[in-house]
Amino acid sequence: MKRRTFLSGLLLASAARLALAQTSPKIYRIAMVHPSRPTAMLTEDGGLPAPAAFLKELRQLAYIEGGNLRVERYSGEGRTEHYADLARDVVLSHPDLIFTVTTRMAQH
């Protein structure tokens, strides 16, 4: 009887450990901010070299958008008077990383 109890406990402990090991992987969040270009251009094939190269490199490092990576895109639409508000909104969204191509946006 003691052996059955021991084996049952061992089986339950193994099952619990396996369940904990199968938790979902972390999804990383990146905010891409451009001062003037539309958000549709902040992609790998959007025509802008910096965002394209950055996303390509992330993909090669196994960070896949829609998988373990979520990219949130923001544009200042060329309205310099709104850059500070845009920067505040991006920071308040608490991404893991903020990517911008201009010093001016980084300063905000």
N, C-alpha and C. Protein backbone atom coordinates (compact mmCIF):
# COMPACT_ATOMS: atom_id res chain seq x y z
N MET A 1 0.81 -1.19 0.00
CA MET A 1 0.00 0.00 0.00
C MET A 1 0.86 1.27 0.00
N LYS A 2 1.97 1.25 0.73
CA LYS A 2 2.82 2.43 0.79
C LYS A 2 3.48 2.69 -0.56
N ARG A 3 3.77 1.62 -1.29
CA ARG A 3 4.40 1.79 -2.59
C ARG A 3 3.43 2.48 -3.55
N ARG A 4 2.16 2.11 -3.52
CA ARG A 4 1.15 2.73 -4.37
C ARG A 4 1.00 4.21 -4.04
N THR A 5 1.01 4.53 -2.78
CA THR A 5 0.90 5.93 -2.36
C THR A 5 2.11 6.72 -2.84
N PHE A 6 3.27 6.15 -2.69
CA PHE A 6 4.50 6.80 -3.13
C PHE A 6 4.48 7.02 -4.64
N LEU A 7 4.11 5.98 -5.40
CA LEU A 7 4.09 6.09 -6.86
C LEU A 7 3.02 7.10 -7.32
N SER A 8 1.89 7.12 -6.63
CA SER A 8 0.85 8.10 -6.97
C SER A 8 1.35 9.52 -6.73
N GLY A 9 2.01 9.73 -5.61
CA GLY A 9 2.57 11.05 -5.31
C GLY A 9 3.63 11.45 -6.32
N LEU A 10 4.47 10.52 -6.70
CA LEU A 10 5.50 10.78 -7.68
C LEU A 10 4.89 11.14 -9.04
N LEU A 11 3.85 10.43 -9.43
CA LEU A 11 3.17 10.69 -10.69
C LEU A 11 2.51 12.07 -10.67
N LEU A 12 1.88 12.42 -9.57
CA LEU A 12 1.24 13.74 -9.46
C LEU A 12 2.28 14.86 -9.50
N ALA A 13 3.39 14.66 -8.81
CA ALA A 13 4.44 15.67 -8.82
C ALA A 13 5.01 15.85 -10.22
N SER A 14 5.19 14.75 -10.94
CA SER A 14 5.70 14.83 -12.31
C SER A 14 4.72 15.55 -13.22
N ALA A 15 3.44 15.27 -13.06
CA ALA A 15 2.41 15.92 -13.88
C ALA A 15 2.36 17.42 -13.59
N ALA A 16 2.47 17.78 -12.33
CA ALA A 16 2.45 19.20 -11.97
C ALA A 16 3.66 19.92 -12.54
N ARG A 17 4.82 19.29 -12.49
CA ARG A 17 6.03 19.88 -13.04
C ARG A 17 5.93 20.06 -14.55
N LEU A 18 5.35 19.08 -15.22
CA LEU A 18 5.16 19.16 -16.66
C LEU A 18 4.19 20.29 -17.01
N ALA A 19 3.12 20.44 -16.23
CA ALA A 19 2.16 21.51 -16.49
C ALA A 19 2.81 22.87 -16.32
N LEU A 20 3.66 23.03 -15.34
CA LEU A 20 4.34 24.31 -15.13
C LEU A 20 5.33 24.60 -16.25
N ALA A 21 5.95 23.59 -16.78
CA ALA A 21 6.93 23.76 -17.85
C ALA A 21 6.27 24.17 -19.16
N GLN A 22 4.98 23.95 -19.30
CA GLN A 22 4.30 24.23 -20.56
C GLN A 22 3.61 25.59 -20.55
N THR A 23 4.04 26.52 -19.72
CA THR A 23 3.45 27.84 -19.72
C THR A 23 3.78 28.53 -21.03
N SER A 24 2.95 29.47 -21.40
CA SER A 24 3.14 30.13 -22.69
C SER A 24 4.40 30.98 -22.68
N PRO A 25 5.07 31.05 -23.83
CA PRO A 25 6.30 31.82 -23.91
C PRO A 25 6.00 33.32 -23.84
N LYS A 26 6.97 34.10 -23.44
CA LYS A 26 6.80 35.55 -23.33
C LYS A 26 6.66 36.14 -24.72
N ILE A 27 5.73 37.06 -24.84
CA ILE A 27 5.57 37.82 -26.08
C ILE A 27 6.18 39.19 -25.84
N TYR A 28 7.20 39.51 -26.59
CA TYR A 28 7.90 40.78 -26.46
C TYR A 28 7.17 41.85 -27.25
N ARG A 29 7.13 43.06 -26.70
CA ARG A 29 6.44 44.18 -27.34
C ARG A 29 7.45 45.25 -27.73
N ILE A 30 7.39 45.65 -28.99
CA ILE A 30 8.23 46.71 -29.50
C ILE A 30 7.33 47.82 -30.03
N ALA A 31 7.67 49.05 -29.68
CA ALA A 31 6.97 50.21 -30.23
C ALA A 31 7.89 50.83 -31.28
N MET A 32 7.40 50.95 -32.50
CA MET A 32 8.15 51.60 -33.57
C MET A 32 7.50 52.96 -33.80
N VAL A 33 8.33 54.01 -33.71
CA VAL A 33 7.82 55.37 -33.80
C VAL A 33 8.56 56.11 -34.91
N HIS A 34 7.79 56.72 -35.81
CA HIS A 34 8.40 57.54 -36.86
C HIS A 34 7.75 58.92 -36.79
N PRO A 35 8.54 59.97 -36.95
CA PRO A 35 7.97 61.31 -36.82
C PRO A 35 7.01 61.71 -37.94
N SER A 36 7.15 61.11 -39.12
CA SER A 36 6.31 61.58 -40.22
C SER A 36 5.73 60.50 -41.12
N ARG A 37 6.39 59.39 -41.28
CA ARG A 37 5.92 58.37 -42.22
C ARG A 37 4.72 57.61 -41.67
N PRO A 38 3.84 57.15 -42.58
CA PRO A 38 2.68 56.36 -42.14
C PRO A 38 3.11 55.04 -41.49
N THR A 39 2.31 54.55 -40.60
CA THR A 39 2.65 53.31 -39.90
C THR A 39 2.76 52.13 -40.86
N ALA A 40 2.07 52.17 -41.98
CA ALA A 40 2.15 51.09 -42.96
C ALA A 40 3.55 50.95 -43.54
N MET A 41 4.35 51.99 -43.45
CA MET A 41 5.71 51.93 -43.98
C MET A 41 6.70 51.37 -42.95
N LEU A 42 6.28 51.16 -41.72
CA LEU A 42 7.16 50.66 -40.67
C LEU A 42 7.12 49.13 -40.63
N THR A 43 7.37 48.54 -41.78
CA THR A 43 7.37 47.08 -41.93
C THR A 43 8.64 46.66 -42.67
N GLU A 44 8.79 45.37 -42.80
CA GLU A 44 9.97 44.86 -43.51
C GLU A 44 9.96 45.21 -44.99
N ASP A 45 8.77 45.32 -45.55
CA ASP A 45 8.67 45.66 -46.97
C ASP A 45 7.99 47.00 -47.20
N GLY A 46 8.07 47.89 -46.21
CA GLY A 46 7.41 49.19 -46.30
C GLY A 46 8.19 50.25 -47.04
N GLY A 47 9.44 49.98 -47.40
CA GLY A 47 10.21 50.93 -48.18
C GLY A 47 11.17 51.79 -47.38
N LEU A 48 11.12 51.71 -46.06
CA LEU A 48 12.07 52.47 -45.24
C LEU A 48 13.19 51.53 -44.81
N PRO A 49 14.45 51.90 -45.05
CA PRO A 49 15.55 50.97 -44.80
C PRO A 49 15.77 50.61 -43.32
N ALA A 50 15.67 51.57 -42.41
CA ALA A 50 15.97 51.28 -41.00
C ALA A 50 14.97 50.30 -40.38
N PRO A 51 13.66 50.57 -40.47
CA PRO A 51 12.72 49.59 -39.91
C PRO A 51 12.81 48.22 -40.59
N ALA A 52 13.03 48.22 -41.90
CA ALA A 52 13.13 46.95 -42.63
C ALA A 52 14.32 46.13 -42.13
N ALA A 53 15.47 46.77 -42.00
CA ALA A 53 16.67 46.06 -41.53
C ALA A 53 16.50 45.57 -40.09
N PHE A 54 15.90 46.41 -39.26
CA PHE A 54 15.68 46.05 -37.85
C PHE A 54 14.77 44.83 -37.73
N LEU A 55 13.65 44.84 -38.44
CA LEU A 55 12.70 43.72 -38.38
C LEU A 55 13.29 42.45 -39.00
N LYS A 56 14.07 42.61 -40.05
CA LYS A 56 14.71 41.45 -40.68
C LYS A 56 15.68 40.80 -39.70
N GLU A 57 16.48 41.61 -39.02
CA GLU A 57 17.44 41.09 -38.04
C GLU A 57 16.71 40.39 -36.88
N LEU A 58 15.63 40.98 -36.42
CA LEU A 58 14.85 40.34 -35.35
C LEU A 58 14.33 38.98 -35.79
N ARG A 59 13.83 38.91 -37.03
CA ARG A 59 13.33 37.64 -37.56
C ARG A 59 14.43 36.60 -37.62
N GLN A 60 15.63 37.02 -38.02
CA GLN A 60 16.76 36.08 -38.08
C GLN A 60 17.16 35.60 -36.69
N LEU A 61 16.86 36.40 -35.67
CA LEU A 61 17.16 36.02 -34.29
C LEU A 61 15.98 35.28 -33.63
N ALA A 62 15.03 34.87 -34.45
CA ALA A 62 13.86 34.08 -34.02
C ALA A 62 12.82 34.89 -33.24
N TYR A 63 12.78 36.20 -33.45
CA TYR A 63 11.69 37.01 -32.91
C TYR A 63 10.72 37.25 -34.06
N ILE A 64 9.61 36.54 -34.03
CA ILE A 64 8.68 36.52 -35.15
C ILE A 64 7.43 37.31 -34.81
N GLU A 65 7.13 38.33 -35.62
CA GLU A 65 5.93 39.12 -35.39
C GLU A 65 4.70 38.23 -35.57
N GLY A 66 3.80 38.31 -34.62
CA GLY A 66 2.64 37.44 -34.62
C GLY A 66 2.87 36.18 -33.82
N GLY A 67 4.11 35.89 -33.48
CA GLY A 67 4.46 34.73 -32.66
C GLY A 67 4.90 35.20 -31.28
N ASN A 68 6.22 35.32 -31.11
CA ASN A 68 6.75 35.76 -29.81
C ASN A 68 7.06 37.26 -29.80
N LEU A 69 6.58 37.99 -30.82
CA LEU A 69 6.85 39.42 -30.93
C LEU A 69 5.60 40.15 -31.39
N ARG A 70 5.30 41.25 -30.69
CA ARG A 70 4.21 42.13 -31.12
C ARG A 70 4.80 43.50 -31.36
N VAL A 71 4.57 44.04 -32.56
CA VAL A 71 5.10 45.35 -32.93
C VAL A 71 3.93 46.32 -33.01
N GLU A 72 4.04 47.38 -32.21
CA GLU A 72 3.04 48.44 -32.22
C GLU A 72 3.65 49.63 -32.94
N ARG A 73 2.98 50.13 -33.96
CA ARG A 73 3.54 51.18 -34.80
C ARG A 73 2.84 52.52 -34.53
N TYR A 74 3.64 53.57 -34.47
CA TYR A 74 3.13 54.91 -34.20
C TYR A 74 3.74 55.89 -35.20
N SER A 75 2.97 56.91 -35.56
CA SER A 75 3.48 57.94 -36.46
C SER A 75 3.10 59.32 -35.92
N GLY A 76 4.05 60.24 -35.99
CA GLY A 76 3.77 61.62 -35.62
C GLY A 76 3.11 62.38 -36.74
N GLU A 77 3.01 61.77 -37.91
CA GLU A 77 2.37 62.33 -39.10
C GLU A 77 2.92 63.70 -39.46
N GLY A 78 4.17 63.96 -39.08
CA GLY A 78 4.82 65.21 -39.43
C GLY A 78 4.39 66.41 -38.61
N ARG A 79 3.56 66.20 -37.63
CA ARG A 79 3.06 67.31 -36.79
C ARG A 79 3.97 67.45 -35.56
N THR A 80 4.96 68.29 -35.68
CA THR A 80 5.97 68.42 -34.63
C THR A 80 5.39 68.85 -33.29
N GLU A 81 4.30 69.57 -33.29
CA GLU A 81 3.69 70.02 -32.04
C GLU A 81 3.09 68.87 -31.23
N HIS A 82 2.92 67.72 -31.86
CA HIS A 82 2.35 66.55 -31.18
C HIS A 82 3.38 65.49 -30.80
N TYR A 83 4.66 65.73 -31.09
CA TYR A 83 5.70 64.74 -30.81
C TYR A 83 5.79 64.39 -29.32
N ALA A 84 5.71 65.39 -28.47
CA ALA A 84 5.81 65.13 -27.03
C ALA A 84 4.66 64.26 -26.54
N ASP A 85 3.44 64.56 -27.03
CA ASP A 85 2.27 63.74 -26.65
C ASP A 85 2.41 62.32 -27.16
N LEU A 86 2.89 62.18 -28.39
CA LEU A 86 3.09 60.85 -28.96
C LEU A 86 4.12 60.07 -28.16
N ALA A 87 5.23 60.71 -27.82
CA ALA A 87 6.27 60.05 -27.03
C ALA A 87 5.72 59.61 -25.67
N ARG A 88 4.93 60.46 -25.04
CA ARG A 88 4.34 60.11 -23.74
C ARG A 88 3.41 58.90 -23.88
N ASP A 89 2.58 58.88 -24.93
CA ASP A 89 1.67 57.76 -25.14
C ASP A 89 2.44 56.45 -25.35
N VAL A 90 3.51 56.53 -26.12
CA VAL A 90 4.32 55.33 -26.38
C VAL A 90 4.94 54.82 -25.08
N VAL A 91 5.52 55.70 -24.30
CA VAL A 91 6.16 55.30 -23.04
C VAL A 91 5.13 54.72 -22.07
N LEU A 92 3.95 55.32 -22.02
CA LEU A 92 2.91 54.83 -21.10
C LEU A 92 2.34 53.47 -21.52
N SER A 93 2.58 53.06 -22.76
CA SER A 93 2.12 51.73 -23.18
C SER A 93 3.05 50.62 -22.68
N HIS A 94 4.19 51.00 -22.09
CA HIS A 94 5.15 50.08 -21.47
C HIS A 94 5.65 48.97 -22.40
N PRO A 95 6.17 49.34 -23.58
CA PRO A 95 6.76 48.30 -24.44
C PRO A 95 8.09 47.83 -23.87
N ASP A 96 8.56 46.69 -24.34
CA ASP A 96 9.87 46.20 -23.93
C ASP A 96 11.00 47.01 -24.59
N LEU A 97 10.71 47.57 -25.75
CA LEU A 97 11.71 48.32 -26.51
C LEU A 97 11.00 49.39 -27.33
N ILE A 98 11.61 50.56 -27.43
CA ILE A 98 11.10 51.62 -28.31
C ILE A 98 12.13 51.84 -29.40
N PHE A 99 11.68 51.75 -30.65
CA PHE A 99 12.56 51.92 -31.82
C PHE A 99 12.12 53.18 -32.55
N THR A 100 13.04 54.10 -32.75
CA THR A 100 12.77 55.29 -33.56
C THR A 100 14.00 55.59 -34.40
N VAL A 101 13.79 56.29 -35.49
CA VAL A 101 14.90 56.53 -36.41
C VAL A 101 15.46 57.93 -36.30
N THR A 102 14.86 58.77 -35.47
CA THR A 102 15.35 60.14 -35.38
C THR A 102 15.72 60.51 -33.94
N THR A 103 16.72 61.35 -33.84
CA THR A 103 17.14 61.84 -32.53
C THR A 103 16.05 62.68 -31.88
N ARG A 104 15.36 63.43 -32.68
CA ARG A 104 14.31 64.32 -32.14
C ARG A 104 13.23 63.51 -31.42
N MET A 105 12.79 62.44 -32.02
CA MET A 105 11.76 61.61 -31.35
C MET A 105 12.34 60.95 -30.11
N ALA A 106 13.59 60.54 -30.17
CA ALA A 106 14.23 59.91 -29.00
C ALA A 106 14.35 60.90 -27.85
N GLN A 107 14.58 62.15 -28.14
CA GLN A 107 14.69 63.16 -27.09
C GLN A 107 13.36 63.38 -26.38
N HIS A 108 12.27 63.29 -27.12
CA HIS A 108 10.95 63.44 -26.49
C HIS A 108 10.68 62.26 -25.60
